[in-house]
């Protein structure tokens, strides 16, 4: 009987990011090879500013006044130009006929900065799979034919006053597994990668650019199988993640 085993770790931070901060966070994380994606992305988006041309139309009405000479009025909408022409006609002021309103196209070149795309996270320095919809994950281990065996999904959501980093490790099996084997695949194998990613996020959070509070985040963890069986992680499992994060942080400082 096949089973899908999951271990979900949620790391809740007591601070959030507004829209402008998220744009900066997007760029800072990319410097550490971490990208965010929406569910439709099938390739890594560009992080370079791009130029685009915005086209708009204006409508000109020429007004003729004997004592003031000729001048021109401009309108965003043709209907507004027509309304003004009718008012000028009632005032016996010579102007452009309604059928001869001049439309002028204006092209403006603008710069589009990279945008925060979605909550799905990929760490590009780790083996990963980038597919459509929800099939975006890190490859923790492979089976004998080179297919992803243990997968790690990473999600980051940020609101005005809170943010959450979520890891979900998955392992599919053909039969029921012993508890120690499940722990090996869902704890021992993915925890170093989880610690590395958490360490990068927190190094950015606590940098001078964002200067977020350094209070220890709240970590929750649970195991699930497709049979709807669910159990809480042992405290030692959570401590392993903290240790992996600290080890990754120490390694980065040494580099």
C-alpha atoms as a PDB file:
ATOM      1  CA  UNK A   1       0.000   0.000   0.000  1.00  0.00           C
ATOM      2  CA  UNK A   2       1.585   3.271  -1.163  1.00  0.00           C
ATOM      3  CA  UNK A   3       1.825   6.108   1.311  1.00  0.00           C
ATOM      4  CA  UNK A   4       2.762   9.749   1.150  1.00  0.00           C
ATOM      5  CA  UNK A   5       4.733  10.875   4.188  1.00  0.00           C
ATOM      6  CA  UNK A   6       5.020  14.565   5.034  1.00  0.00           C
ATOM      7  CA  UNK A   7       6.840  16.603   7.609  1.00  0.00           C
ATOM      8  CA  UNK A   8       5.738  20.239   7.818  1.00  0.00           C
ATOM      9  CA  UNK A   9       7.707  22.878   9.705  1.00  0.00           C
ATOM     10  CA  UNK A  10       6.289  26.380  10.137  1.00  0.00           C
ATOM     11  CA  UNK A  11       8.545  29.176  11.382  1.00  0.00           C
ATOM     12  CA  UNK A  12       6.479  32.180  12.457  1.00  0.00           C
ATOM     13  CA  UNK A  13       8.151  35.577  12.802  1.00  0.00           C
ATOM     14  CA  UNK A  14       6.640  38.441  14.844  1.00  0.00           C
ATOM     15  CA  UNK A  15       7.146  40.981  12.073  1.00  0.00           C
ATOM     16  CA  UNK A  16       6.005  41.540   8.524  1.00  0.00           C
ATOM     17  CA  UNK A  17       6.898  43.442   5.375  1.00  0.00           C
ATOM     18  CA  UNK A  18       4.935  46.113   3.560  1.00  0.00           C
ATOM     19  CA  UNK A  19       4.801  46.205  -0.246  1.00  0.00           C
ATOM     20  CA  UNK A  20       7.876  48.408  -0.673  1.00  0.00           C
ATOM     21  CA  UNK A  21       9.887  46.256   1.755  1.00  0.00           C
ATOM     22  CA  UNK A  22       8.911  43.126  -0.168  1.00  0.00           C
ATOM     23  CA  UNK A  23      10.368  44.576  -3.356  1.00  0.00           C
ATOM     24  CA  UNK A  24      13.670  45.158  -1.522  1.00  0.00           C
ATOM     25  CA  UNK A  25      13.453  41.714   0.097  1.00  0.00           C
ATOM     26  CA  UNK A  26      12.986  40.226  -3.361  1.00  0.00           C
ATOM     27  CA  UNK A  27      16.265  41.737  -4.591  1.00  0.00           C
ATOM     28  CA  UNK A  28      18.232  40.966  -1.420  1.00  0.00           C
ATOM     29  CA  UNK A  29      17.221  37.296  -1.369  1.00  0.00           C
ATOM     30  CA  UNK A  30      18.152  36.964  -5.029  1.00  0.00           C
ATOM     31  CA  UNK A  31      21.713  37.985  -4.106  1.00  0.00           C
ATOM     32  CA  UNK A  32      21.758  34.770  -2.042  1.00  0.00           C
ATOM     33  CA  UNK A  33      20.314  32.680  -4.921  1.00  0.00           C
ATOM     34  CA  UNK A  34      16.795  32.567  -3.441  1.00  0.00           C
ATOM     35  CA  UNK A  35      13.898  33.371  -5.761  1.00  0.00           C
ATOM     36  CA  UNK A  36      10.148  33.590  -5.276  1.00  0.00           C
ATOM     37  CA  UNK A  37       7.705  32.304  -7.887  1.00  0.00           C
ATOM     38  CA  UNK A  38       3.997  32.197  -8.553  1.00  0.00           C
ATOM     39  CA  UNK A  39       2.218  28.949  -9.370  1.00  0.00           C
ATOM     40  CA  UNK A  40       2.281  29.590 -13.139  1.00  0.00           C
ATOM     41  CA  UNK A  41       6.015  30.253 -13.484  1.00  0.00           C
ATOM     42  CA  UNK A  42       7.871  27.639 -15.514  1.00  0.00           C
ATOM     43  CA  UNK A  43      11.250  29.403 -15.565  1.00  0.00           C
ATOM     44  CA  UNK A  44      13.298  31.661 -13.307  1.00  0.00           C
ATOM     45  CA  UNK A  45      12.142  35.253 -13.846  1.00  0.00           C
ATOM     46  CA  UNK A  46      14.566  38.004 -14.773  1.00  0.00           C
ATOM     47  CA  UNK A  47      15.850  40.121 -11.920  1.00  0.00           C
ATOM     48  CA  UNK A  48      17.098  42.898 -14.201  1.00  0.00           C
ATOM     49  CA  UNK A  49      15.129  46.151 -14.583  1.00  0.00           C
ATOM     50  CA  UNK A  50      13.340  46.152 -17.938  1.00  0.00           C
ATOM     51  CA  UNK A  51      12.225  48.965 -20.194  1.00  0.00           C
ATOM     52  CA  UNK A  52       8.725  49.100 -21.561  1.00  0.00           C
ATOM     53  CA  UNK A  53       6.785  51.599 -23.630  1.00  0.00           C
ATOM     54  CA  UNK A  54       3.488  52.930 -22.366  1.00  0.00           C
ATOM     55  CA  UNK A  55       1.257  54.399 -25.075  1.00  0.00           C
ATOM     56  CA  UNK A  56      -1.561  56.831 -24.372  1.00  0.00           C
ATOM     57  CA  UNK A  57      -3.713  59.130 -26.489  1.00  0.00           C
ATOM     58  CA  UNK A  58      -4.599  62.784 -26.110  1.00  0.00           C
ATOM     59  CA  UNK A  59      -7.232  64.704 -28.061  1.00  0.00           C
ATOM     60  CA  UNK A  60      -6.560  68.255 -29.254  1.00  0.00           C
ATOM     61  CA  UNK A  61      -9.110  70.982 -29.831  1.00  0.00           C
ATOM     62  CA  UNK A  62      -8.035  74.232 -31.534  1.00  0.00           C
ATOM     63  CA  UNK A  63      -9.779  77.328 -30.209  1.00  0.00           C
ATOM     64  CA  UNK A  64      -9.905  80.595 -32.222  1.00  0.00           C
ATOM     65  CA  UNK A  65     -10.522  83.880 -30.459  1.00  0.00           C
ATOM     66  CA  UNK A  66     -10.078  87.136 -32.352  1.00  0.00           C
ATOM     67  CA  UNK A  67      -8.564  89.118 -29.504  1.00  0.00           C
ATOM     68  CA  UNK A  68      -6.503  86.249 -28.011  1.00  0.00           C
ATOM     69  CA  UNK A  69      -5.481  84.538 -31.218  1.00  0.00           C
ATOM     70  CA  UNK A  70      -5.422  80.720 -31.402  1.00  0.00           C
ATOM     71  CA  UNK A  71      -4.646  78.220 -28.672  1.00  0.00           C
ATOM     72  CA  UNK A  72      -5.025  74.498 -28.167  1.00  0.00           C
ATOM     73  CA  UNK A  73      -6.788  72.445 -25.507  1.00  0.00           C
ATOM     74  CA  UNK A  74      -5.811  68.820 -24.759  1.00  0.00           C
ATOM     75  CA  UNK A  75      -8.038  66.094 -23.304  1.00  0.00           C
ATOM     76  CA  UNK A  76      -7.497  62.545 -22.140  1.00  0.00           C
ATOM     77  CA  UNK A  77     -10.828  61.353 -23.531  1.00  0.00           C
ATOM     78  CA  UNK A  78     -12.494  62.132 -26.867  1.00  0.00           C
ATOM     79  CA  UNK A  79     -15.861  62.499 -25.128  1.00  0.00           C
ATOM     80  CA  UNK A  80     -14.462  65.334 -22.982  1.00  0.00           C
ATOM     81  CA  UNK A  81     -13.179  67.098 -26.090  1.00  0.00           C
ATOM     82  CA  UNK A  82     -16.615  66.870 -27.710  1.00  0.00           C
ATOM     83  CA  UNK A  83     -18.336  68.244 -24.605  1.00  0.00           C
ATOM     84  CA  UNK A  84     -16.044  71.276 -24.586  1.00  0.00           C
ATOM     85  CA  UNK A  85     -16.553  71.862 -28.315  1.00  0.00           C
ATOM     86  CA  UNK A  86     -20.334  71.971 -27.768  1.00  0.00           C
ATOM     87  CA  UNK A  87     -19.937  74.447 -24.917  1.00  0.00           C
ATOM     88  CA  UNK A  88     -17.684  76.664 -27.033  1.00  0.00           C
ATOM     89  CA  UNK A  89     -20.214  76.567 -29.870  1.00  0.00           C
ATOM     90  CA  UNK A  90     -22.982  77.769 -27.572  1.00  0.00           C
ATOM     91  CA  UNK A  91     -20.678  80.672 -26.602  1.00  0.00           C
ATOM     92  CA  UNK A  92     -20.170  81.482 -30.303  1.00  0.00           C
ATOM     93  CA  UNK A  93     -16.447  80.718 -30.059  1.00  0.00           C
ATOM     94  CA  UNK A  94     -14.834  79.248 -33.146  1.00  0.00           C
ATOM     95  CA  UNK A  95     -13.106  75.915 -32.601  1.00  0.00           C
ATOM     96  CA  UNK A  96     -12.344  72.520 -34.122  1.00  0.00           C
ATOM     97  CA  UNK A  97     -15.326  70.601 -35.512  1.00  0.00           C
ATOM     98  CA  UNK A  98     -16.257  67.446 -33.578  1.00  0.00           C
ATOM     99  CA  UNK A  99     -15.395  65.287 -36.581  1.00  0.00           C
ATOM    100  CA  UNK A 100     -11.932  66.861 -36.865  1.00  0.00           C
ATOM    101  CA  UNK A 101     -10.680  66.295 -33.317  1.00  0.00           C
ATOM    102  CA  UNK A 102      -6.984  65.452 -33.557  1.00  0.00           C
ATOM    103  CA  UNK A 103      -5.843  62.293 -31.791  1.00  0.00           C
ATOM    104  CA  UNK A 104      -2.154  62.181 -30.864  1.00  0.00           C
ATOM    105  CA  UNK A 105      -0.429  59.041 -29.561  1.00  0.00           C
ATOM    106  CA  UNK A 106       2.245  59.605 -26.929  1.00  0.00           C
ATOM    107  CA  UNK A 107       4.872  56.936 -26.216  1.00  0.00           C
ATOM    108  CA  UNK A 108       6.601  57.090 -22.834  1.00  0.00           C
ATOM    109  CA  UNK A 109       9.520  54.780 -21.993  1.00  0.00           C
ATOM    110  CA  UNK A 110       9.422  53.558 -18.389  1.00  0.00           C
ATOM    111  CA  UNK A 111      11.484  51.211 -16.207  1.00  0.00           C
ATOM    112  CA  UNK A 112       9.904  48.188 -14.548  1.00  0.00           C
ATOM    113  CA  UNK A 113      11.723  46.902 -11.470  1.00  0.00           C
ATOM    114  CA  UNK A 114      11.608  43.167 -10.602  1.00  0.00           C
ATOM    115  CA  UNK A 115       8.431  42.369  -8.686  1.00  0.00           C
ATOM    116  CA  UNK A 116       7.686  39.970  -5.819  1.00  0.00           C
ATOM    117  CA  UNK A 117       5.914  37.173  -7.685  1.00  0.00           C
ATOM    118  CA  UNK A 118       4.543  34.660  -5.194  1.00  0.00           C
ATOM    119  CA  UNK A 119       5.049  32.577  -2.076  1.00  0.00           C
ATOM    120  CA  UNK A 120       6.858  29.593  -3.625  1.00  0.00           C
ATOM    121  CA  UNK A 121      10.574  29.666  -2.801  1.00  0.00           C
ATOM    122  CA  UNK A 122      13.472  28.016  -4.645  1.00  0.00           C
ATOM    123  CA  UNK A 123      17.084  27.993  -3.488  1.00  0.00           C
ATOM    124  CA  UNK A 124      19.002  27.922  -6.770  1.00  0.00           C
ATOM    125  CA  UNK A 125      22.206  26.539  -5.240  1.00  0.00           C
ATOM    126  CA  UNK A 126      20.356  23.328  -4.329  1.00  0.00           C
ATOM    127  CA  UNK A 127      19.099  20.684  -6.786  1.00  0.00           C
ATOM    128  CA  UNK A 128      15.525  21.610  -7.680  1.00  0.00           C
ATOM    129  CA  UNK A 129      12.665  20.971 -10.056  1.00  0.00           C
ATOM    130  CA  UNK A 130      10.799  23.871 -11.651  1.00  0.00           C
ATOM    131  CA  UNK A 131       7.479  22.752 -13.106  1.00  0.00           C
ATOM    132  CA  UNK A 132       4.124  24.368 -13.642  1.00  0.00           C
ATOM    133  CA  UNK A 133       1.513  24.973 -10.963  1.00  0.00           C
ATOM    134  CA  UNK A 134       2.651  23.428  -7.648  1.00  0.00           C
ATOM    135  CA  UNK A 135       5.453  21.215  -8.962  1.00  0.00           C
ATOM    136  CA  UNK A 136       8.322  23.339  -7.714  1.00  0.00           C
ATOM    137  CA  UNK A 137      10.506  21.661  -5.136  1.00  0.00           C
ATOM    138  CA  UNK A 138      14.054  20.960  -3.976  1.00  0.00           C
ATOM    139  CA  UNK A 139      15.457  17.504  -4.591  1.00  0.00           C
ATOM    140  CA  UNK A 140      16.841  16.219  -1.297  1.00  0.00           C
ATOM    141  CA  UNK A 141      17.561  12.696  -2.506  1.00  0.00           C
ATOM    142  CA  UNK A 142      16.991  10.538  -5.583  1.00  0.00           C
ATOM    143  CA  UNK A 143      16.016   6.905  -6.078  1.00  0.00           C
ATOM    144  CA  UNK A 144      17.989   4.334  -8.025  1.00  0.00           C
ATOM    145  CA  UNK A 145      16.666   5.591 -11.402  1.00  0.00           C
ATOM    146  CA  UNK A 146      17.458   9.248 -10.733  1.00  0.00           C
ATOM    147  CA  UNK A 147      13.956  10.409  -9.799  1.00  0.00           C
ATOM    148  CA  UNK A 148      13.288  12.716  -6.874  1.00  0.00           C
ATOM    149  CA  UNK A 149      12.808  10.590  -3.778  1.00  0.00           C
ATOM    150  CA  UNK A 150      12.646  13.057  -0.898  1.00  0.00           C
ATOM    151  CA  UNK A 151      11.278  16.453  -1.956  1.00  0.00           C
ATOM    152  CA  UNK A 152      11.385  19.732  -0.054  1.00  0.00           C
ATOM    153  CA  UNK A 153       8.804  22.426  -0.731  1.00  0.00           C
ATOM    154  CA  UNK A 154       9.452  25.922   0.654  1.00  0.00           C
ATOM    155  CA  UNK A 155       6.884  28.682   1.047  1.00  0.00           C
ATOM    156  CA  UNK A 156       7.201  32.218   2.410  1.00  0.00           C
ATOM    157  CA  UNK A 157       4.254  34.506   3.157  1.00  0.00           C
ATOM    158  CA  UNK A 158       4.551  38.022   4.535  1.00  0.00           C
ATOM    159  CA  UNK A 159       1.860  40.421   5.689  1.00  0.00           C
ATOM    160  CA  UNK A 160       2.051  43.777   7.411  1.00  0.00           C
ATOM    161  CA  UNK A 161       2.681  42.426  10.911  1.00  0.00           C
ATOM    162  CA  UNK A 162       3.674  38.780  10.518  1.00  0.00           C
ATOM    163  CA  UNK A 163       5.514  36.435   8.196  1.00  0.00           C
ATOM    164  CA  UNK A 164       5.907  32.657   7.960  1.00  0.00           C
ATOM    165  CA  UNK A 165       8.553  30.434   6.415  1.00  0.00           C
ATOM    166  CA  UNK A 166       7.177  26.937   5.774  1.00  0.00           C
ATOM    167  CA  UNK A 167       9.078  23.768   4.866  1.00  0.00           C
ATOM    168  CA  UNK A 168       7.301  20.623   3.684  1.00  0.00           C
ATOM    169  CA  UNK A 169       9.375  17.477   3.173  1.00  0.00           C
ATOM    170  CA  UNK A 170       7.668  14.667   1.246  1.00  0.00           C
ATOM    171  CA  UNK A 171       8.538  11.035   0.751  1.00  0.00           C
ATOM    172  CA  UNK A 172       6.413   8.514  -1.187  1.00  0.00           C
ATOM    173  CA  UNK A 173       6.696   4.821  -0.306  1.00  0.00           C
ATOM    174  CA  UNK A 174       5.148   1.621  -1.598  1.00  0.00           C
ATOM    175  CA  UNK A 175       4.489   0.233   1.866  1.00  0.00           C
ATOM    176  CA  UNK A 176       4.294   1.184   5.528  1.00  0.00           C
ATOM    177  CA  UNK A 177       7.625   2.302   6.952  1.00  0.00           C
ATOM    178  CA  UNK A 178       9.126   2.101  10.411  1.00  0.00           C
ATOM    179  CA  UNK A 179       9.243   5.305  12.463  1.00  0.00           C
ATOM    180  CA  UNK A 180      13.044   5.485  12.461  1.00  0.00           C
ATOM    181  CA  UNK A 181      13.171   5.133   8.652  1.00  0.00           C
ATOM    182  CA  UNK A 182      10.566   7.877   8.223  1.00  0.00           C
ATOM    183  CA  UNK A 183      12.570  10.125  10.545  1.00  0.00           C
ATOM    184  CA  UNK A 184      15.727   9.448   8.572  1.00  0.00           C
ATOM    185  CA  UNK A 185      14.097  10.529   5.296  1.00  0.00           C
ATOM    186  CA  UNK A 186      12.024  13.447   6.598  1.00  0.00           C
ATOM    187  CA  UNK A 187      14.337  14.763   9.332  1.00  0.00           C
ATOM    188  CA  UNK A 188      17.951  13.721   8.856  1.00  0.00           C
ATOM    189  CA  UNK A 189      18.099  14.236   5.074  1.00  0.00           C
ATOM    190  CA  UNK A 190      16.276  17.573   4.556  1.00  0.00           C
ATOM    191  CA  UNK A 191      17.179  19.387   7.796  1.00  0.00           C
ATOM    192  CA  UNK A 192      20.615  20.684   6.637  1.00  0.00           C
ATOM    193  CA  UNK A 193      19.050  22.253   3.534  1.00  0.00           C
ATOM    194  CA  UNK A 194      16.214  23.687   5.624  1.00  0.00           C
ATOM    195  CA  UNK A 195      18.712  25.176   8.066  1.00  0.00           C
ATOM    196  CA  UNK A 196      20.677  26.758   5.223  1.00  0.00           C
ATOM    197  CA  UNK A 197      17.593  28.391   3.712  1.00  0.00           C
ATOM    198  CA  UNK A 198      16.345  29.592   7.100  1.00  0.00           C
ATOM    199  CA  UNK A 199      19.778  31.031   7.843  1.00  0.00           C
ATOM    200  CA  UNK A 200      19.777  33.030   4.597  1.00  0.00           C
ATOM    201  CA  UNK A 201      16.304  34.424   5.231  1.00  0.00           C
ATOM    202  CA  UNK A 202      17.187  35.488   8.755  1.00  0.00           C
ATOM    203  CA  UNK A 203      20.507  37.044   7.721  1.00  0.00           C
ATOM    204  CA  UNK A 204      18.493  39.302   5.407  1.00  0.00           C
ATOM    205  CA  UNK A 205      15.739  39.955   7.992  1.00  0.00           C
ATOM    206  CA  UNK A 206      18.240  41.067  10.628  1.00  0.00           C
ATOM    207  CA  UNK A 207      20.520  43.028   8.302  1.00  0.00           C
ATOM    208  CA  UNK A 208      20.840  46.813   8.550  1.00  0.00           C
ATOM    209  CA  UNK A 209      18.521  47.184   5.575  1.00  0.00           C
ATOM    210  CA  UNK A 210      15.497  45.708   7.407  1.00  0.00           C
ATOM    211  CA  UNK A 211      16.637  45.609  11.042  1.00  0.00           C
ATOM    212  CA  UNK A 212      13.815  43.294  12.154  1.00  0.00           C
ATOM    213  CA  UNK A 213      13.524  42.184  15.811  1.00  0.00           C
ATOM    214  CA  UNK A 214      15.838  39.275  16.574  1.00  0.00           C
ATOM    215  CA  UNK A 215      13.411  37.469  18.885  1.00  0.00           C
ATOM    216  CA  UNK A 216      13.528  33.699  18.433  1.00  0.00           C
ATOM    217  CA  UNK A 217      10.725  32.709  16.007  1.00  0.00           C
ATOM    218  CA  UNK A 218       8.001  30.235  16.943  1.00  0.00           C
ATOM    219  CA  UNK A 219       8.565  26.846  15.285  1.00  0.00           C
ATOM    220  CA  UNK A 220       5.818  24.253  14.890  1.00  0.00           C
ATOM    221  CA  UNK A 221       6.324  20.832  13.331  1.00  0.00           C
ATOM    222  CA  UNK A 222       4.209  17.805  12.507  1.00  0.00           C
ATOM    223  CA  UNK A 223       4.300  14.540  10.565  1.00  0.00           C
ATOM    224  CA  UNK A 224       1.450  13.387   8.298  1.00  0.00           C
ATOM    225  CA  UNK A 225       0.703  10.401   6.111  1.00  0.00           C
ATOM    226  CA  UNK A 226      -1.939  10.082   3.415  1.00  0.00           C
ATOM    227  CA  UNK A 227      -3.995   7.816   5.682  1.00  0.00           C
ATOM    228  CA  UNK A 228      -4.757  10.996   7.696  1.00  0.00           C
ATOM    229  CA  UNK A 229      -2.588   9.869  10.578  1.00  0.00           C
ATOM    230  CA  UNK A 230      -0.883  12.871  12.133  1.00  0.00           C
ATOM    231  CA  UNK A 231       1.548  13.299  15.011  1.00  0.00           C
ATOM    232  CA  UNK A 232       3.534  16.129  16.543  1.00  0.00           C
ATOM    233  CA  UNK A 233       7.293  16.280  16.001  1.00  0.00           C
ATOM    234  CA  UNK A 234       9.493  15.461  18.968  1.00  0.00           C
ATOM    235  CA  UNK A 235      11.236  18.492  20.553  1.00  0.00           C
ATOM    236  CA  UNK A 236      14.565  17.034  19.444  1.00  0.00           C
ATOM    237  CA  UNK A 237      13.488  17.366  15.806  1.00  0.00           C
ATOM    238  CA  UNK A 238      12.878  21.106  16.228  1.00  0.00           C
ATOM    239  CA  UNK A 239      16.227  21.452  17.987  1.00  0.00           C
ATOM    240  CA  UNK A 240      17.888  19.771  15.001  1.00  0.00           C
ATOM    241  CA  UNK A 241      16.545  22.479  12.690  1.00  0.00           C
ATOM    242  CA  UNK A 242      17.784  25.242  14.997  1.00  0.00           C
ATOM    243  CA  UNK A 243      21.199  23.595  15.083  1.00  0.00           C
ATOM    244  CA  UNK A 244      21.251  23.284  11.281  1.00  0.00           C
ATOM    245  CA  UNK A 245      20.362  26.965  10.944  1.00  0.00           C
ATOM    246  CA  UNK A 246      23.120  27.981  13.368  1.00  0.00           C
ATOM    247  CA  UNK A 247      25.651  25.746  11.610  1.00  0.00           C
ATOM    248  CA  UNK A 248      24.758  27.245   8.237  1.00  0.00           C
ATOM    249  CA  UNK A 249      25.034  30.744   9.657  1.00  0.00           C
ATOM    250  CA  UNK A 250      28.440  29.982  11.179  1.00  0.00           C
ATOM    251  CA  UNK A 251      29.684  28.522   7.888  1.00  0.00           C
ATOM    252  CA  UNK A 252      28.621  31.663   6.010  1.00  0.00           C
ATOM    253  CA  UNK A 253      30.494  33.898   8.452  1.00  0.00           C
ATOM    254  CA  UNK A 254      33.658  31.801   8.081  1.00  0.00           C
ATOM    255  CA  UNK A 255      33.444  32.136   4.285  1.00  0.00           C
END
